[in-house]
């Protein structure tokens, strides 16, 4: 066999290898199956519990004569006014509506399982008022998983969040516990916003809210110094022992850190191995990652839903229990294994042919003097 014949043979073998791999991929793609997660029962329980939470909050708003927002297309009770005296920053209405969906409870169960949390574990949670529905989704997930959750909740909220001054998020959670819907109340409450002390809030409304929180018997702390605030929060979280995960919902400075550091943290489950160096400007997300503790970060809702195949601000939600969050994609192993083995064999044959050619070339070289 001459050199040109060998080259043609190698090309034919490589084309055959490509065809085999293409066929294996086609075979595998046509054998894809959706299988329920191993914790689907907890997911369904969390979604049902979150539905009860939404219904109860709607009732609280009716009692307080708080009108339902016109932006709350699904009438969940989780959408607040655009701007009030406790609004701290801007927020996207599409993201707020997306979180006000019962399947967010199922998503939080999945995120916690993917972070390594199991029944009996202890989870710390930092809640701003910006995403009240997602806060309640975390609470519903932990309760359904029989996980101990230690929430520190804040009053301040971005636009369309828990911005009703008459019913802040800590008060929502407190009433849900009083009514027996949820079992765990805030371990502590802060005002949130600038310096975590609500510096930008209207003073009159701030004082009224503080009085109501005190009358409810909630623990309030106001610590404007960033590092001291973090130390107090960690002391509350770890009072009963080490935590297995930290959950951050919204953009509270104590979770995100000072400046723009929090933007690059990512969404969903954060791996401690990807942690950035901790500095004096680092928030609790970075600090817990730096200690090797997994974090569930919930802020960029559009990115989060895209990663889990969920709709973003749809006109109509999927039927209960049918969304992608309840399922895992399973690919058949047989075509993948056979395709890789066949491709490896052909590549080995190509190498054998090329070595033969190299040996032939050396034999044909004239002897040197």
Protein backbone atom coordinates (compact mmCIF):
# COMPACT_ATOMS: atom_id res chain seq x y z
CA UNK A 1 0.00 0.00 0.00
CA UNK A 2 1.58 3.33 -1.06
CA UNK A 3 1.43 6.63 0.83
CA UNK A 4 -1.62 8.04 -1.01
CA UNK A 5 -3.57 4.85 -0.42
CA UNK A 6 -2.75 4.99 3.27
CA UNK A 7 -3.88 8.64 3.49
CA UNK A 8 -7.17 7.78 1.77
CA UNK A 9 -7.67 4.89 4.15
CA UNK A 10 -7.09 7.15 7.18
CA UNK A 11 -9.56 9.73 5.80
CA UNK A 12 -12.19 7.02 5.26
CA UNK A 13 -11.64 5.72 8.78
CA UNK A 14 -12.01 9.22 10.25
CA UNK A 15 -15.23 9.76 8.27
CA UNK A 16 -16.51 6.43 9.59
CA UNK A 17 -15.59 7.52 13.12
CA UNK A 18 -17.56 10.77 12.68
CA UNK A 19 -20.58 8.87 11.34
CA UNK A 20 -20.50 6.44 14.27
CA UNK A 21 -20.36 9.29 16.77
CA UNK A 22 -23.18 11.11 14.98
CA UNK A 23 -25.24 7.92 15.02
CA UNK A 24 -24.56 7.40 18.72
CA UNK A 25 -25.68 10.95 19.50
CA UNK A 26 -28.83 10.49 17.38
CA UNK A 27 -29.59 7.18 19.11
CA UNK A 28 -29.03 8.70 22.56
CA UNK A 29 -31.14 11.80 21.81
CA UNK A 30 -34.07 9.63 20.72
CA UNK A 31 -33.83 7.61 23.91
CA UNK A 32 -33.99 10.58 26.28
CA UNK A 33 -36.40 10.10 29.16
CA UNK A 34 -37.71 12.40 31.88
CA UNK A 35 -37.62 10.87 35.33
CA UNK A 36 -39.01 12.39 38.51
CA UNK A 37 -36.47 13.54 41.07
CA UNK A 38 -35.89 11.30 44.07
CA UNK A 39 -37.34 14.05 46.30
CA UNK A 40 -40.43 14.83 44.23
CA UNK A 41 -42.75 14.31 47.23
CA UNK A 42 -41.01 17.07 49.17
CA UNK A 43 -41.20 19.28 46.10
CA UNK A 44 -44.95 18.79 45.80
CA UNK A 45 -45.44 19.42 49.51
CA UNK A 46 -43.43 22.66 49.24
CA UNK A 47 -45.50 23.86 46.28
CA UNK A 48 -48.75 23.11 48.12
CA UNK A 49 -47.51 24.84 51.26
CA UNK A 50 -46.44 27.89 49.26
CA UNK A 51 -49.92 28.07 47.73
CA UNK A 52 -51.35 28.21 51.26
CA UNK A 53 -48.90 30.99 52.14
CA UNK A 54 -50.01 33.08 49.16
CA UNK A 55 -53.67 32.58 50.04
CA UNK A 56 -53.05 33.63 53.64
CA UNK A 57 -51.15 36.78 52.63
CA UNK A 58 -53.99 37.78 50.32
CA UNK A 59 -56.27 37.48 53.35
CA UNK A 60 -53.97 39.67 55.44
CA UNK A 61 -54.05 42.36 52.77
CA UNK A 62 -57.82 42.25 52.67
CA UNK A 63 -57.98 42.66 56.45
CA UNK A 64 -55.67 45.68 56.26
CA UNK A 65 -57.55 47.13 53.27
CA UNK A 66 -54.43 46.92 51.12
CA UNK A 67 -55.51 46.80 47.46
CA UNK A 68 -54.12 44.10 45.22
CA UNK A 69 -51.55 45.44 42.78
CA UNK A 70 -52.70 45.83 39.18
CA UNK A 71 -49.34 44.29 38.22
CA UNK A 72 -50.22 41.11 40.13
CA UNK A 73 -51.70 39.35 37.11
CA UNK A 74 -52.07 36.02 38.93
CA UNK A 75 -53.55 37.61 42.08
CA UNK A 76 -50.99 36.04 44.40
CA UNK A 77 -50.77 38.89 46.90
CA UNK A 78 -46.99 38.87 46.49
CA UNK A 79 -46.65 42.01 44.37
CA UNK A 80 -46.41 45.35 46.15
CA UNK A 81 -46.58 48.96 44.95
CA UNK A 82 -43.88 50.37 42.71
CA UNK A 83 -42.68 52.91 45.26
CA UNK A 84 -43.45 53.65 48.92
CA UNK A 85 -41.57 54.98 51.91
CA UNK A 86 -39.81 51.62 52.44
CA UNK A 87 -38.74 51.09 48.82
CA UNK A 88 -34.96 50.85 48.70
CA UNK A 89 -33.93 50.09 45.10
CA UNK A 90 -35.31 49.36 41.65
CA UNK A 91 -36.53 45.89 40.74
CA UNK A 92 -38.04 44.20 37.69
CA UNK A 93 -41.76 43.45 37.88
CA UNK A 94 -41.22 40.43 35.59
CA UNK A 95 -38.87 38.86 38.12
CA UNK A 96 -41.26 39.53 41.01
CA UNK A 97 -44.17 37.91 39.17
CA UNK A 98 -42.02 34.93 38.21
CA UNK A 99 -41.17 34.16 41.84
CA UNK A 100 -44.86 34.35 42.82
CA UNK A 101 -45.50 30.82 41.56
CA UNK A 102 -46.03 27.75 43.77
CA UNK A 103 -43.42 25.74 41.84
CA UNK A 104 -40.78 28.07 43.27
CA UNK A 105 -41.16 26.04 46.45
CA UNK A 106 -40.32 22.93 44.43
CA UNK A 107 -37.35 24.72 42.87
CA UNK A 108 -36.00 25.63 46.31
CA UNK A 109 -36.25 22.00 47.42
CA UNK A 110 -34.19 21.03 44.38
CA UNK A 111 -31.61 23.75 45.00
CA UNK A 112 -31.20 22.72 48.63
CA UNK A 113 -30.75 19.05 47.67
CA UNK A 114 -28.21 20.02 45.01
CA UNK A 115 -26.36 22.03 47.67
CA UNK A 116 -26.09 18.87 49.78
CA UNK A 117 -28.76 19.76 52.34
CA UNK A 118 -30.65 16.82 53.81
CA UNK A 119 -33.41 16.38 56.43
CA UNK A 120 -32.17 17.32 59.89
CA UNK A 121 -29.59 19.82 58.60
CA UNK A 122 -29.42 23.44 59.68
CA UNK A 123 -29.75 26.23 57.07
CA UNK A 124 -29.19 29.96 57.57
CA UNK A 125 -31.22 32.36 55.43
CA UNK A 126 -30.87 36.06 54.69
CA UNK A 127 -34.12 37.59 53.38
CA UNK A 128 -34.67 41.09 52.08
CA UNK A 129 -38.19 42.27 51.38
CA UNK A 130 -37.51 42.42 47.65
CA UNK A 131 -38.68 38.89 46.85
CA UNK A 132 -41.30 37.98 49.47
CA UNK A 133 -42.58 35.04 47.40
CA UNK A 134 -39.09 33.56 47.05
CA UNK A 135 -38.47 34.05 50.76
CA UNK A 136 -41.61 32.05 51.50
CA UNK A 137 -40.58 29.46 48.91
CA UNK A 138 -37.37 28.86 50.88
CA UNK A 139 -39.36 28.57 54.11
CA UNK A 140 -41.82 26.14 52.51
CA UNK A 141 -38.96 24.07 51.08
CA UNK A 142 -37.17 23.78 54.41
CA UNK A 143 -40.38 22.90 56.24
CA UNK A 144 -41.23 20.21 53.67
CA UNK A 145 -37.70 18.78 53.86
CA UNK A 146 -37.71 18.84 57.69
CA UNK A 147 -34.71 21.14 57.63
CA UNK A 148 -34.11 23.62 60.45
CA UNK A 149 -34.03 27.12 58.96
CA UNK A 150 -32.76 30.23 60.74
CA UNK A 151 -34.07 33.30 58.89
CA UNK A 152 -32.99 36.88 59.39
CA UNK A 153 -35.46 39.04 57.48
CA UNK A 154 -35.37 42.69 56.49
CA UNK A 155 -38.05 45.31 55.98
CA UNK A 156 -36.64 47.21 53.00
CA UNK A 157 -37.69 46.07 49.55
CA UNK A 158 -37.03 46.90 45.93
CA UNK A 159 -39.90 48.06 43.71
CA UNK A 160 -42.84 45.65 43.45
CA UNK A 161 -41.58 43.60 46.40
CA UNK A 162 -43.01 43.67 49.94
CA UNK A 163 -43.29 47.46 49.70
CA UNK A 164 -46.62 47.90 51.51
CA UNK A 165 -45.65 49.79 54.69
CA UNK A 166 -48.66 48.29 56.48
CA UNK A 167 -47.49 44.71 55.82
CA UNK A 168 -43.73 44.27 55.58
CA UNK A 169 -42.15 40.91 54.87
CA UNK A 170 -41.16 40.20 58.52
CA UNK A 171 -44.80 40.82 59.44
CA UNK A 172 -46.02 38.48 56.69
CA UNK A 173 -43.79 35.71 58.00
CA UNK A 174 -44.78 36.40 61.61
CA UNK A 175 -48.50 36.17 60.84
CA UNK A 176 -48.02 32.97 58.85
CA UNK A 177 -46.34 31.42 61.89
CA UNK A 178 -49.05 32.71 64.22
CA UNK A 179 -51.71 31.16 61.98
CA UNK A 180 -49.91 27.81 61.90
CA UNK A 181 -49.14 27.86 58.16
CA UNK A 182 -45.38 28.00 58.73
CA UNK A 183 -43.51 26.80 61.79
CA UNK A 184 -40.45 29.08 61.94
CA UNK A 185 -40.42 32.84 62.52
CA UNK A 186 -37.59 35.31 61.94
CA UNK A 187 -34.68 34.75 64.30
CA UNK A 188 -34.06 38.49 63.98
CA UNK A 189 -35.26 41.45 61.93
CA UNK A 190 -33.39 44.41 60.46
CA UNK A 191 -34.62 47.41 58.52
CA UNK A 192 -32.49 46.63 55.46
CA UNK A 193 -31.70 49.27 52.88
CA UNK A 194 -28.72 51.57 53.30
CA UNK A 195 -26.37 50.34 56.05
CA UNK A 196 -29.05 47.73 56.84
CA UNK A 197 -30.69 50.40 59.01
CA UNK A 198 -33.15 51.86 56.49
CA UNK A 199 -31.37 55.19 56.23
CA UNK A 200 -33.25 56.10 53.02
CA UNK A 201 -36.71 55.25 54.43
CA UNK A 202 -39.24 57.84 55.52
CA UNK A 203 -38.57 58.42 59.25
CA UNK A 204 -42.27 58.39 60.23
CA UNK A 205 -42.98 55.07 58.53
CA UNK A 206 -39.77 53.60 59.86
CA UNK A 207 -40.75 54.39 63.44
CA UNK A 208 -44.26 53.00 62.96
CA UNK A 209 -42.88 49.75 61.56
CA UNK A 210 -40.34 49.40 64.38
CA UNK A 211 -43.11 49.85 66.94
CA UNK A 212 -45.23 47.15 65.31
CA UNK A 213 -42.29 44.74 65.11
CA UNK A 214 -41.50 45.31 68.80
CA UNK A 215 -45.15 44.78 69.76
CA UNK A 216 -45.07 41.50 67.83
CA UNK A 217 -42.18 40.38 70.02
CA UNK A 218 -39.68 40.13 67.15
CA UNK A 219 -35.96 40.55 67.84
CA UNK A 220 -34.71 43.72 66.15
CA UNK A 221 -31.12 44.75 65.71
CA UNK A 222 -29.76 47.87 64.07
CA UNK A 223 -26.02 47.84 63.48
CA UNK A 224 -24.77 50.31 60.86
CA UNK A 225 -21.15 49.12 60.99
CA UNK A 226 -20.80 46.54 58.26
CA UNK A 227 -18.35 44.11 59.90
CA UNK A 228 -20.12 44.27 63.27
CA UNK A 229 -23.41 43.56 61.51
CA UNK A 230 -21.94 40.47 59.85
CA UNK A 231 -20.57 39.20 63.16
CA UNK A 232 -23.98 39.61 64.83
CA UNK A 233 -25.72 37.77 62.00
CA UNK A 234 -23.24 34.89 62.10
CA UNK A 235 -23.63 34.64 65.85
CA UNK A 236 -27.42 34.32 65.44
CA UNK A 237 -27.07 31.75 62.66
CA UNK A 238 -24.57 29.58 64.50
CA UNK A 239 -25.89 29.91 68.03
CA UNK A 240 -27.15 26.31 68.00
CA UNK A 241 -24.20 24.90 66.09
CA UNK A 242 -22.68 24.93 62.60
CA UNK A 243 -24.86 25.43 59.54
CA UNK A 244 -24.75 23.22 56.45
CA UNK A 245 -25.85 25.87 53.93
CA UNK A 246 -26.48 29.61 53.60
CA UNK A 247 -29.38 30.90 51.48
CA UNK A 248 -29.41 34.49 50.27
CA UNK A 249 -32.57 35.97 48.73
CA UNK A 250 -32.50 39.47 47.32
CA UNK A 251 -29.71 42.01 47.42
CA UNK A 252 -29.18 42.89 51.08
CA UNK A 253 -25.72 44.40 51.51
CA UNK A 254 -24.87 42.02 54.34
CA UNK A 255 -25.30 39.06 52.01
CA UNK A 256 -23.95 40.57 48.80
CA UNK A 257 -21.12 42.64 50.18
CA UNK A 258 -20.12 46.26 49.63
CA UNK A 259 -20.08 47.68 46.10
CA UNK A 260 -20.42 45.50 43.00
CA UNK A 261 -18.86 42.31 44.39
CA UNK A 262 -22.14 40.43 44.53
CA UNK A 263 -22.84 40.75 40.80
CA UNK A 264 -20.13 38.22 39.89
CA UNK A 265 -21.20 35.60 42.44
CA UNK A 266 -23.53 33.67 40.11
CA UNK A 267 -26.99 32.26 40.78
CA UNK A 268 -28.45 29.13 42.25
CA UNK A 269 -26.10 26.73 44.02
CA UNK A 270 -22.62 28.21 44.46
CA UNK A 271 -19.67 25.86 44.85
CA UNK A 272 -17.23 26.78 47.65
CA UNK A 273 -14.39 25.82 45.32
CA UNK A 274 -15.18 28.87 43.17
CA UNK A 275 -15.05 31.31 46.08
CA UNK A 276 -13.28 34.64 45.68
CA UNK A 277 -10.78 35.81 48.29
CA UNK A 278 -12.57 37.24 51.32
CA UNK A 279 -11.97 40.92 52.06
CA UNK A 280 -13.41 43.51 54.46
CA UNK A 281 -16.02 44.25 51.78
CA UNK A 282 -17.17 40.65 51.43
CA UNK A 283 -20.70 39.78 52.49
CA UNK A 284 -21.96 36.57 54.05
CA UNK A 285 -22.20 34.79 50.70
CA UNK A 286 -18.44 35.10 50.13
CA UNK A 287 -17.61 34.50 53.76
CA UNK A 288 -19.51 31.22 53.98
CA UNK A 289 -18.14 30.08 50.63
CA UNK A 290 -14.67 30.87 51.94
CA UNK A 291 -15.36 28.53 54.87
CA UNK A 292 -16.34 25.72 52.52
CA UNK A 293 -20.08 26.05 53.15
CA UNK A 294 -22.33 25.87 50.06
CA UNK A 295 -24.55 28.83 49.28
CA UNK A 296 -27.86 29.12 47.43
CA UNK A 297 -27.98 32.58 45.87
CA UNK A 298 -31.37 33.84 44.60
CA UNK A 299 -31.32 37.25 42.96
CA UNK A 300 -31.07 37.07 39.14
CA UNK A 301 -34.38 35.28 38.58
CA UNK A 302 -34.20 35.41 34.78
CA UNK A 303 -30.88 33.55 34.78
CA UNK A 304 -32.07 31.09 37.41
CA UNK A 305 -35.24 30.12 35.52
CA UNK A 306 -33.29 29.72 32.28
CA UNK A 307 -30.86 27.31 33.94
CA UNK A 308 -33.71 25.12 35.22
CA UNK A 309 -35.93 25.25 32.14
CA UNK A 310 -38.69 27.26 33.82
CA UNK A 311 -40.85 29.96 32.21
CA UNK A 312 -40.07 33.60 32.91
CA UNK A 313 -43.11 35.79 33.59
CA UNK A 314 -45.57 33.74 31.52
CA UNK A 315 -49.14 34.79 30.86
CA UNK A 316 -50.26 31.37 32.12
CA UNK A 317 -48.37 28.99 34.39
CA UNK A 318 -47.86 25.31 33.51
CA UNK A 319 -50.18 22.81 35.18
CA UNK A 320 -49.20 22.14 38.83
CA UNK A 321 -46.40 19.62 39.12
CA UNK A 322 -45.61 19.54 35.39
CA UNK A 323 -42.71 21.98 35.16
CA UNK A 324 -39.13 20.90 34.46
CA UNK A 325 -38.06 21.39 38.07
CA UNK A 326 -39.71 18.10 39.09
CA UNK A 327 -37.80 16.06 36.53
CA UNK A 328 -34.28 15.03 35.56
CA UNK A 329 -33.22 14.22 32.02
CA UNK A 330 -31.84 10.68 31.62
CA UNK A 331 -29.81 9.68 28.56
CA UNK A 332 -29.39 5.99 27.58
CA UNK A 333 -25.86 4.81 28.32
CA UNK A 334 -25.68 2.00 25.75
CA UNK A 335 -25.40 4.11 22.56
CA UNK A 336 -22.95 6.47 24.23
CA UNK A 337 -20.69 3.66 25.45
CA UNK A 338 -20.86 1.75 22.14
CA UNK A 339 -20.19 4.89 20.14
CA UNK A 340 -17.16 5.84 22.22
CA UNK A 341 -15.74 2.30 22.09
CA UNK A 342 -16.20 2.10 18.31
CA UNK A 343 -14.65 5.54 17.82
CA UNK A 344 -11.70 4.61 20.04
CA UNK A 345 -11.16 1.43 17.99
CA UNK A 346 -11.20 3.33 14.70
CA UNK A 347 -8.81 5.97 16.00
CA UNK A 348 -6.48 3.20 17.15
CA UNK A 349 -6.65 1.69 13.66
CA UNK A 350 -5.82 5.10 12.15
CA UNK A 351 -2.79 5.32 14.40
CA UNK A 352 -1.74 1.80 13.37
CA UNK A 353 -1.96 2.72 9.66
CA UNK A 354 0.02 5.93 10.22
CA UNK A 355 2.73 4.04 12.16
CA UNK A 356 2.98 1.54 9.32
CA UNK A 357 3.51 4.39 6.89
CA UNK A 358 6.17 5.93 9.13
CA UNK A 359 8.02 2.61 9.37
CA UNK A 360 7.86 2.17 5.59
CA UNK A 361 9.26 5.69 5.09
CA UNK A 362 12.22 4.92 7.39
CA UNK A 363 12.98 1.68 5.54
CA UNK A 364 13.03 3.53 2.23
CA UNK A 365 15.58 6.13 3.38
CA UNK A 366 19.06 5.70 1.78
CA UNK A 367 21.84 4.75 4.21
CA UNK A 368 23.98 7.62 5.44
CA UNK A 369 27.73 7.58 4.92
